[in-house]
Amino acid sequence: MRPKQTRAWRELQKATSVTEICEAVKRNYHDILLSTHWQSQEFAIHGSMLYSFTIENIYIDKGGNTGNTHYAPRGKKTNWGGWNEDLPRGYPGFSGNIKFQIANMTYDRGLADFDLARALHAFGIHTGTGGGRGSAGPDLAAYEYHVQIFFEDFAALNEKVQEYQEAIKREQFLAKLANKRCAKSLNSMII
């Protein structure tokens, strides 16, 4: 499911780092939830507040790909267990953990605070295992999920990653000529 071209969508498409993705989610929390829920839940959604949202423990596979067993970039297919030899086993991206806290969620029919994890899928932030309503204080629920993000789902980030990859290749080439180690990594550049 692809969300409408809302402010939240446009801000996420302009994000060039993980930090900018987190900031865009914080600024557009209500819009992200409303894009995937009934309008009748608007009061409950606007009564809540996203207290914190971070992406941590970022891991980029040495091949640069993130597995596509459960999720894939928009318009691409998943490949459960790699059984389909005609499909790739991953796409450029990263895995990590998202942590967020939500305050003052007023429950309504079919609405729960963990629905933010579900709503994020439409925006290219794919949550997997984890969850659980942990308490971080009165009226403050804490959640943690495994997350996968594919670069091509974020236009500006994808463009920046390609620039970084070219810069790293140049640095590696120059380091090899000088018989030194290259200190740059894509992981440190996208955070």
C-alpha atoms as a PDB file:
ATOM      1  CA  MET A   1       0.000   0.000   0.000  1.00  0.00           C
ATOM      2  CA  ARG A   2       1.358   3.393  -0.982  1.00  0.00           C
ATOM      3  CA  PRO A   3       0.169   6.436   0.955  1.00  0.00           C
ATOM      4  CA  LYS A   4      -1.117   9.585  -0.673  1.00  0.00           C
ATOM      5  CA  GLN A   5       1.429  12.272  -1.502  1.00  0.00           C
ATOM      6  CA  THR A   6       0.978  13.929   1.901  1.00  0.00           C
ATOM      7  CA  ARG A   7       3.376  16.208   3.738  1.00  0.00           C
ATOM      8  CA  ALA A   8       4.644  13.144   5.641  1.00  0.00           C
ATOM      9  CA  TRP A   9       5.345  11.332   2.377  1.00  0.00           C
ATOM     10  CA  ARG A  10       7.178  14.331   0.877  1.00  0.00           C
ATOM     11  CA  GLU A  11       9.302  14.864   3.988  1.00  0.00           C
ATOM     12  CA  LEU A  12      10.338  11.217   4.103  1.00  0.00           C
ATOM     13  CA  GLN A  13      11.236  11.338   0.406  1.00  0.00           C
ATOM     14  CA  LYS A  14      13.538  14.322   1.112  1.00  0.00           C
ATOM     15  CA  ALA A  15      15.325  12.606   4.036  1.00  0.00           C
ATOM     16  CA  THR A  16      19.014  11.962   3.324  1.00  0.00           C
ATOM     17  CA  SER A  17      19.914  10.177   6.582  1.00  0.00           C
ATOM     18  CA  VAL A  18      18.476   7.986   9.311  1.00  0.00           C
ATOM     19  CA  THR A  19      18.342  11.008  11.614  1.00  0.00           C
ATOM     20  CA  GLU A  20      16.234  12.914   9.071  1.00  0.00           C
ATOM     21  CA  ILE A  21      13.876   9.922   8.694  1.00  0.00           C
ATOM     22  CA  CYS A  22      13.350   9.853  12.480  1.00  0.00           C
ATOM     23  CA  GLU A  23      12.727  13.603  12.593  1.00  0.00           C
ATOM     24  CA  ALA A  24      10.206  13.378   9.727  1.00  0.00           C
ATOM     25  CA  VAL A  25       8.313  10.586  11.513  1.00  0.00           C
ATOM     26  CA  LYS A  26       8.200  12.653  14.723  1.00  0.00           C
ATOM     27  CA  ARG A  27       6.913  15.758  12.917  1.00  0.00           C
ATOM     28  CA  ASN A  28       4.291  13.795  10.965  1.00  0.00           C
ATOM     29  CA  TYR A  29       3.203  11.196  13.519  1.00  0.00           C
ATOM     30  CA  HIS A  30      -0.506  12.062  13.389  1.00  0.00           C
ATOM     31  CA  ASP A  31      -0.580  12.211   9.584  1.00  0.00           C
ATOM     32  CA  ILE A  32       1.180   8.847   9.312  1.00  0.00           C
ATOM     33  CA  LEU A  33      -1.409   7.198  11.573  1.00  0.00           C
ATOM     34  CA  LEU A  34      -4.338   8.957   9.874  1.00  0.00           C
ATOM     35  CA  SER A  35      -3.166   7.784   6.450  1.00  0.00           C
ATOM     36  CA  THR A  36      -3.819   4.171   7.428  1.00  0.00           C
ATOM     37  CA  HIS A  37      -6.750   4.479   9.865  1.00  0.00           C
ATOM     38  CA  TRP A  38     -10.390   5.488   9.721  1.00  0.00           C
ATOM     39  CA  GLN A  39     -11.230   9.158   9.973  1.00  0.00           C
ATOM     40  CA  SER A  40     -13.514   8.253  12.877  1.00  0.00           C
ATOM     41  CA  GLN A  41     -10.323   7.614  14.878  1.00  0.00           C
ATOM     42  CA  GLU A  42      -8.974  11.123  14.302  1.00  0.00           C
ATOM     43  CA  PHE A  43      -9.862  12.307  17.826  1.00  0.00           C
ATOM     44  CA  ALA A  44      -8.037   9.379  19.456  1.00  0.00           C
ATOM     45  CA  ILE A  45      -5.015   9.814  17.187  1.00  0.00           C
ATOM     46  CA  HIS A  46      -4.730  13.556  17.792  1.00  0.00           C
ATOM     47  CA  GLY A  47      -5.052  12.975  21.538  1.00  0.00           C
ATOM     48  CA  SER A  48      -1.847  10.947  21.529  1.00  0.00           C
ATOM     49  CA  MET A  49       1.736  12.137  21.195  1.00  0.00           C
ATOM     50  CA  LEU A  50       4.835  10.459  19.822  1.00  0.00           C
ATOM     51  CA  TYR A  51       7.220  11.046  22.705  1.00  0.00           C
ATOM     52  CA  SER A  52      10.333   9.559  21.071  1.00  0.00           C
ATOM     53  CA  PHE A  53      11.300   7.708  17.885  1.00  0.00           C
ATOM     54  CA  THR A  54      14.782   6.380  17.071  1.00  0.00           C
ATOM     55  CA  ILE A  55      16.398   3.905  14.696  1.00  0.00           C
ATOM     56  CA  GLU A  56      19.373   2.162  16.303  1.00  0.00           C
ATOM     57  CA  ASN A  57      21.809  -0.730  15.810  1.00  0.00           C
ATOM     58  CA  ILE A  58      21.935  -0.167  12.069  1.00  0.00           C
ATOM     59  CA  TYR A  59      23.394  -3.040  10.086  1.00  0.00           C
ATOM     60  CA  ILE A  60      24.332  -2.927   6.420  1.00  0.00           C
ATOM     61  CA  ASP A  61      25.273  -6.298   4.965  1.00  0.00           C
ATOM     62  CA  LYS A  62      28.719  -6.397   3.355  1.00  0.00           C
ATOM     63  CA  GLY A  63      26.998  -7.082   0.046  1.00  0.00           C
ATOM     64  CA  GLY A  64      24.937  -3.935   0.628  1.00  0.00           C
ATOM     65  CA  ASN A  65      21.646  -5.794   0.502  1.00  0.00           C
ATOM     66  CA  THR A  66      18.868  -6.235   3.020  1.00  0.00           C
ATOM     67  CA  GLY A  67      16.986  -9.506   2.834  1.00  0.00           C
ATOM     68  CA  ASN A  68      13.629  -9.520   1.084  1.00  0.00           C
ATOM     69  CA  THR A  69      12.050 -12.584   2.663  1.00  0.00           C
ATOM     70  CA  HIS A  70       9.193 -10.553   4.214  1.00  0.00           C
ATOM     71  CA  TYR A  71       9.399  -7.105   2.629  1.00  0.00           C
ATOM     72  CA  ALA A  72      10.774  -5.534  -0.531  1.00  0.00           C
ATOM     73  CA  PRO A  73      10.962  -2.027  -1.968  1.00  0.00           C
ATOM     74  CA  ARG A  74       7.768  -0.663  -3.529  1.00  0.00           C
ATOM     75  CA  GLY A  75       6.990  -2.461  -6.772  1.00  0.00           C
ATOM     76  CA  LYS A  76       9.477  -5.291  -6.093  1.00  0.00           C
ATOM     77  CA  LYS A  77       8.787  -8.848  -4.970  1.00  0.00           C
ATOM     78  CA  THR A  78       9.732 -10.675  -1.825  1.00  0.00           C
ATOM     79  CA  ASN A  79      11.690 -13.928  -2.035  1.00  0.00           C
ATOM     80  CA  TRP A  80      10.874 -16.053   0.981  1.00  0.00           C
ATOM     81  CA  GLY A  81      13.869 -18.226   1.823  1.00  0.00           C
ATOM     82  CA  GLY A  82      15.511 -17.363  -1.510  1.00  0.00           C
ATOM     83  CA  TRP A  83      13.598 -20.187  -3.178  1.00  0.00           C
ATOM     84  CA  ASN A  84      12.770 -18.244  -6.318  1.00  0.00           C
ATOM     85  CA  GLU A  85      16.003 -18.221  -8.307  1.00  0.00           C
ATOM     86  CA  ASP A  86      14.581 -15.616 -10.714  1.00  0.00           C
ATOM     87  CA  LEU A  87      14.368 -13.008  -7.938  1.00  0.00           C
ATOM     88  CA  PRO A  88      17.180 -11.364  -5.972  1.00  0.00           C
ATOM     89  CA  ARG A  89      17.703 -12.391  -2.344  1.00  0.00           C
ATOM     90  CA  GLY A  90      17.851  -8.781  -1.192  1.00  0.00           C
ATOM     91  CA  TYR A  91      17.881  -5.114  -2.166  1.00  0.00           C
ATOM     92  CA  PRO A  92      20.154  -2.255  -1.108  1.00  0.00           C
ATOM     93  CA  GLY A  93      19.152  -1.068   2.349  1.00  0.00           C
ATOM     94  CA  PHE A  94      19.733  -1.655   6.049  1.00  0.00           C
ATOM     95  CA  SER A  95      18.319  -3.411   9.089  1.00  0.00           C
ATOM     96  CA  GLY A  96      18.171  -2.160  12.643  1.00  0.00           C
ATOM     97  CA  ASN A  97      15.797  -1.534  15.517  1.00  0.00           C
ATOM     98  CA  ILE A  98      13.232   1.193  15.972  1.00  0.00           C
ATOM     99  CA  LYS A  99      12.233   2.312  19.428  1.00  0.00           C
ATOM    100  CA  PHE A 100       9.368   4.621  20.139  1.00  0.00           C
ATOM    101  CA  GLN A 101       7.255   5.834  23.018  1.00  0.00           C
ATOM    102  CA  ILE A 102       3.677   7.056  22.737  1.00  0.00           C
ATOM    103  CA  ALA A 103       1.897   9.106  25.368  1.00  0.00           C
ATOM    104  CA  ASN A 104      -1.825   9.540  26.016  1.00  0.00           C
ATOM    105  CA  MET A 105      -3.210   7.073  23.501  1.00  0.00           C
ATOM    106  CA  THR A 106      -6.986   7.021  23.851  1.00  0.00           C
ATOM    107  CA  TYR A 107      -8.162   3.661  22.602  1.00  0.00           C
ATOM    108  CA  ASP A 108     -10.837   3.625  19.974  1.00  0.00           C
ATOM    109  CA  ARG A 109     -12.389   0.805  17.981  1.00  0.00           C
ATOM    110  CA  GLY A 110      -9.562  -0.870  16.075  1.00  0.00           C
ATOM    111  CA  LEU A 111      -6.871   1.558  17.218  1.00  0.00           C
ATOM    112  CA  ALA A 112      -3.887   0.802  19.406  1.00  0.00           C
ATOM    113  CA  ASP A 113      -0.592   2.568  19.922  1.00  0.00           C
ATOM    114  CA  PHE A 114       1.371  -0.248  18.283  1.00  0.00           C
ATOM    115  CA  ASP A 115      -0.472   0.595  15.051  1.00  0.00           C
ATOM    116  CA  LEU A 116       2.290   3.118  14.333  1.00  0.00           C
ATOM    117  CA  ALA A 117       4.499   0.143  13.456  1.00  0.00           C
ATOM    118  CA  ARG A 118       1.886  -1.038  10.964  1.00  0.00           C
ATOM    119  CA  ALA A 119       1.297   2.431   9.512  1.00  0.00           C
ATOM    120  CA  LEU A 120       5.021   2.914   8.857  1.00  0.00           C
ATOM    121  CA  HIS A 121       4.981   0.065   6.295  1.00  0.00           C
ATOM    122  CA  ALA A 122       3.083   2.255   3.838  1.00  0.00           C
ATOM    123  CA  PHE A 123       5.934   4.777   4.044  1.00  0.00           C
ATOM    124  CA  GLY A 124       8.745   2.251   3.451  1.00  0.00           C
ATOM    125  CA  ILE A 125       9.712   1.630   7.088  1.00  0.00           C
ATOM    126  CA  HIS A 126       9.119  -2.113   7.482  1.00  0.00           C
ATOM    127  CA  THR A 127       8.783  -3.365  11.034  1.00  0.00           C
ATOM    128  CA  GLY A 128       9.129  -7.001  11.948  1.00  0.00           C
ATOM    129  CA  THR A 129       9.563  -8.901  15.178  1.00  0.00           C
ATOM    130  CA  GLY A 130       9.375  -7.171  18.509  1.00  0.00           C
ATOM    131  CA  GLY A 131       6.760  -4.963  20.018  1.00  0.00           C
ATOM    132  CA  GLY A 132       5.212  -5.514  23.375  1.00  0.00           C
ATOM    133  CA  ARG A 133       3.710  -2.742  25.418  1.00  0.00           C
ATOM    134  CA  GLY A 134       6.350  -1.850  27.943  1.00  0.00           C
ATOM    135  CA  SER A 135       5.621   0.947  30.351  1.00  0.00           C
ATOM    136  CA  ALA A 136       7.992   3.894  30.402  1.00  0.00           C
ATOM    137  CA  GLY A 137       5.925   5.808  32.912  1.00  0.00           C
ATOM    138  CA  PRO A 138       2.312   6.781  33.508  1.00  0.00           C
ATOM    139  CA  ASP A 139       0.449   6.987  30.200  1.00  0.00           C
ATOM    140  CA  LEU A 140       3.695   6.336  28.295  1.00  0.00           C
ATOM    141  CA  ALA A 141       4.034   3.059  26.365  1.00  0.00           C
ATOM    142  CA  ALA A 142       7.398   1.927  24.961  1.00  0.00           C
ATOM    143  CA  TYR A 143       7.914  -0.300  21.908  1.00  0.00           C
ATOM    144  CA  GLU A 144      10.839  -1.814  20.035  1.00  0.00           C
ATOM    145  CA  TYR A 145      10.777  -3.542  16.652  1.00  0.00           C
ATOM    146  CA  HIS A 146      13.224  -4.919  14.145  1.00  0.00           C
ATOM    147  CA  VAL A 147      13.163  -2.658  11.082  1.00  0.00           C
ATOM    148  CA  GLN A 148      14.204  -2.876   7.432  1.00  0.00           C
ATOM    149  CA  ILE A 149      14.585   0.124   5.161  1.00  0.00           C
ATOM    150  CA  PHE A 150      15.297  -0.177   1.450  1.00  0.00           C
ATOM    151  CA  PHE A 151      17.154   2.781  -0.020  1.00  0.00           C
ATOM    152  CA  GLU A 152      15.069   2.971  -3.181  1.00  0.00           C
ATOM    153  CA  ASP A 153      11.919   3.657  -1.115  1.00  0.00           C
ATOM    154  CA  PHE A 154      13.464   7.014  -0.120  1.00  0.00           C
ATOM    155  CA  ALA A 155      14.389   9.117  -3.161  1.00  0.00           C
ATOM    156  CA  ALA A 156      16.872  11.562  -1.570  1.00  0.00           C
ATOM    157  CA  LEU A 157      18.467   8.900   0.655  1.00  0.00           C
ATOM    158  CA  ASN A 158      18.917   6.603  -2.338  1.00  0.00           C
ATOM    159  CA  GLU A 159      20.629   9.382  -4.287  1.00  0.00           C
ATOM    160  CA  LYS A 160      22.895  10.218  -1.317  1.00  0.00           C
ATOM    161  CA  VAL A 161      23.820   6.547  -0.833  1.00  0.00           C
ATOM    162  CA  GLN A 162      24.913   6.319  -4.466  1.00  0.00           C
ATOM    163  CA  GLU A 163      27.096   9.418  -3.968  1.00  0.00           C
ATOM    164  CA  TYR A 164      28.568   7.885  -0.789  1.00  0.00           C
ATOM    165  CA  GLN A 165      29.295   4.605  -2.554  1.00  0.00           C
ATOM    166  CA  GLU A 166      31.237   6.442  -5.263  1.00  0.00           C
ATOM    167  CA  ALA A 167      33.196   8.393  -2.621  1.00  0.00           C
ATOM    168  CA  ILE A 168      34.010   5.168  -0.747  1.00  0.00           C
ATOM    169  CA  LYS A 169      35.206   3.484  -3.948  1.00  0.00           C
ATOM    170  CA  ARG A 170      37.548   6.429  -4.591  1.00  0.00           C
ATOM    171  CA  GLU A 171      38.815   6.355  -0.988  1.00  0.00           C
ATOM    172  CA  GLN A 172      39.363   2.598  -1.125  1.00  0.00           C
ATOM    173  CA  PHE A 173      41.266   2.937  -4.404  1.00  0.00           C
ATOM    174  CA  LEU A 174      43.466   5.728  -3.015  1.00  0.00           C
ATOM    175  CA  ALA A 175      44.027   3.827   0.245  1.00  0.00           C
ATOM    176  CA  LYS A 176      45.028   0.723  -1.709  1.00  0.00           C
ATOM    177  CA  LEU A 177      47.518   2.772  -3.755  1.00  0.00           C
ATOM    178  CA  ALA A 178      49.001   4.159  -0.531  1.00  0.00           C
ATOM    179  CA  ASN A 179      48.935   0.685   1.080  1.00  0.00           C
ATOM    180  CA  LYS A 180      46.605   1.920   3.851  1.00  0.00           C
ATOM    181  CA  ARG A 181      43.181   0.975   5.201  1.00  0.00           C
ATOM    182  CA  CYS A 182      40.107   2.928   4.146  1.00  0.00           C
ATOM    183  CA  ALA A 183      38.272   4.242   7.205  1.00  0.00           C
ATOM    184  CA  LYS A 184      35.030   5.296   5.476  1.00  0.00           C
ATOM    185  CA  SER A 185      31.950   3.079   5.584  1.00  0.00           C
ATOM    186  CA  LEU A 186      28.426   3.454   4.238  1.00  0.00           C
ATOM    187  CA  ASN A 187      27.050   2.644   7.685  1.00  0.00           C
ATOM    188  CA  SER A 188      28.664   5.718   9.264  1.00  0.00           C
ATOM    189  CA  MET A 189      27.644   7.969   6.390  1.00  0.00           C
ATOM    190  CA  ILE A 190      23.878   7.311   6.394  1.00  0.00           C
ATOM    191  CA  ILE A 191      23.339   7.869  10.115  1.00  0.00           C
END
